[in-house]
Amino acid sequence: MPTTLTLKNIPDAVYEQLKATAALNRRSLNSEAIVCLETALTPGKLAPRERLARARALRASLRTNGFDTDTLDAMKRQGRA
């Protein structure tokens, strides 16, 4: 069951920053505070293999045009002419 937490004596600058970030993310102050706490207290740590697998998957998903380095260099030179 969720627990209620009351914060007192929040510095004005911190409150204003939280309020602005909440508005930017279209969240309530409460939701934004929860996201901030979750981010700070439970950082997503990935194993090196998992991080590498994600990087490789991202790199593979970006290969859509099939241009090699020589073709790209030729296109750049042609555009400068």
Protein backbone atom coordinates (compact mmCIF):
# COMPACT_ATOMS: atom_id res chain seq x y z
CA MET A 1 0.00 0.00 0.00
CA PRO A 2 1.38 3.45 -0.87
CA THR A 3 2.55 5.61 1.99
CA THR A 4 1.97 9.32 2.41
CA LEU A 5 4.95 11.59 2.91
CA THR A 6 4.80 15.25 3.92
CA LEU A 7 7.78 17.45 3.16
CA LYS A 8 8.38 20.58 5.22
CA ASN A 9 10.76 23.50 4.81
CA ILE A 10 11.48 22.87 1.13
CA PRO A 11 13.75 25.66 -0.11
CA ASP A 12 11.94 28.04 -2.46
CA ALA A 13 14.39 27.40 -5.30
CA VAL A 14 13.92 23.63 -5.06
CA TYR A 15 10.14 24.03 -4.98
CA GLU A 16 10.15 26.31 -8.02
CA GLN A 17 12.41 23.94 -9.94
CA LEU A 18 10.19 20.96 -9.06
CA LYS A 19 7.11 22.94 -10.08
CA ALA A 20 8.67 23.95 -13.42
CA THR A 21 9.85 20.42 -14.16
CA ALA A 22 6.44 19.02 -13.30
CA ALA A 23 4.79 21.45 -15.70
CA LEU A 24 7.32 20.62 -18.41
CA ASN A 25 6.63 16.90 -18.00
CA ARG A 26 2.87 17.45 -17.59
CA ARG A 27 2.85 15.91 -14.13
CA SER A 28 1.50 16.96 -10.79
CA LEU A 29 3.97 18.10 -8.15
CA ASN A 30 3.36 14.84 -6.31
CA SER A 31 4.05 12.70 -9.38
CA GLU A 32 7.17 14.70 -10.24
CA ALA A 33 8.49 14.33 -6.68
CA ILE A 34 7.93 10.56 -6.85
CA VAL A 35 9.77 10.34 -10.19
CA CYS A 36 12.67 12.36 -8.75
CA LEU A 37 12.87 10.13 -5.69
CA GLU A 38 12.70 6.95 -7.79
CA THR A 39 15.43 8.23 -10.09
CA ALA A 40 17.70 9.20 -7.23
CA LEU A 41 17.13 6.15 -5.07
CA THR A 42 16.82 3.36 -7.63
CA PRO A 43 19.19 4.20 -10.46
CA GLY A 44 18.99 1.79 -13.36
CA LYS A 45 22.23 -0.14 -13.28
CA LEU A 46 22.81 -2.32 -16.28
CA ALA A 47 25.29 -5.12 -16.49
CA PRO A 48 28.04 -4.38 -19.03
CA ARG A 49 26.75 -7.12 -21.33
CA GLU A 50 23.24 -5.67 -21.26
CA ARG A 51 24.53 -2.16 -21.96
CA LEU A 52 26.60 -3.48 -24.88
CA ALA A 53 23.64 -5.44 -26.25
CA ARG A 54 21.45 -2.32 -26.15
CA ALA A 55 24.14 -0.24 -27.86
CA ARG A 56 24.52 -2.84 -30.61
CA ALA A 57 20.76 -3.06 -31.11
CA LEU A 58 20.53 0.73 -31.37
CA ARG A 59 23.41 0.85 -33.84
CA ALA A 60 21.79 -1.89 -35.95
CA SER A 61 18.46 -0.05 -35.98
CA LEU A 62 20.15 3.07 -37.38
CA ARG A 63 21.55 1.27 -40.44
CA THR A 64 18.86 2.17 -42.91
CA ASN A 65 20.67 3.79 -45.82
CA GLY A 66 23.57 1.41 -46.48
CA PHE A 67 26.05 4.14 -47.39
CA ASP A 68 29.68 3.31 -46.82
CA THR A 69 32.38 5.80 -45.83
CA ASP A 70 33.68 6.27 -49.38
CA THR A 71 30.20 7.02 -50.72
CA LEU A 72 29.56 9.55 -47.96
CA ASP A 73 32.90 11.28 -48.62
CA ALA A 74 32.11 11.48 -52.35
CA MET A 75 28.67 12.97 -51.58
CA LYS A 76 30.25 15.59 -49.31
CA ARG A 77 32.77 16.57 -51.99
CA GLN A 78 30.02 16.77 -54.60
CA GLY A 79 27.93 19.02 -52.34
CA ARG A 80 30.85 21.39 -51.86
CA ALA A 81 31.51 21.78 -55.58
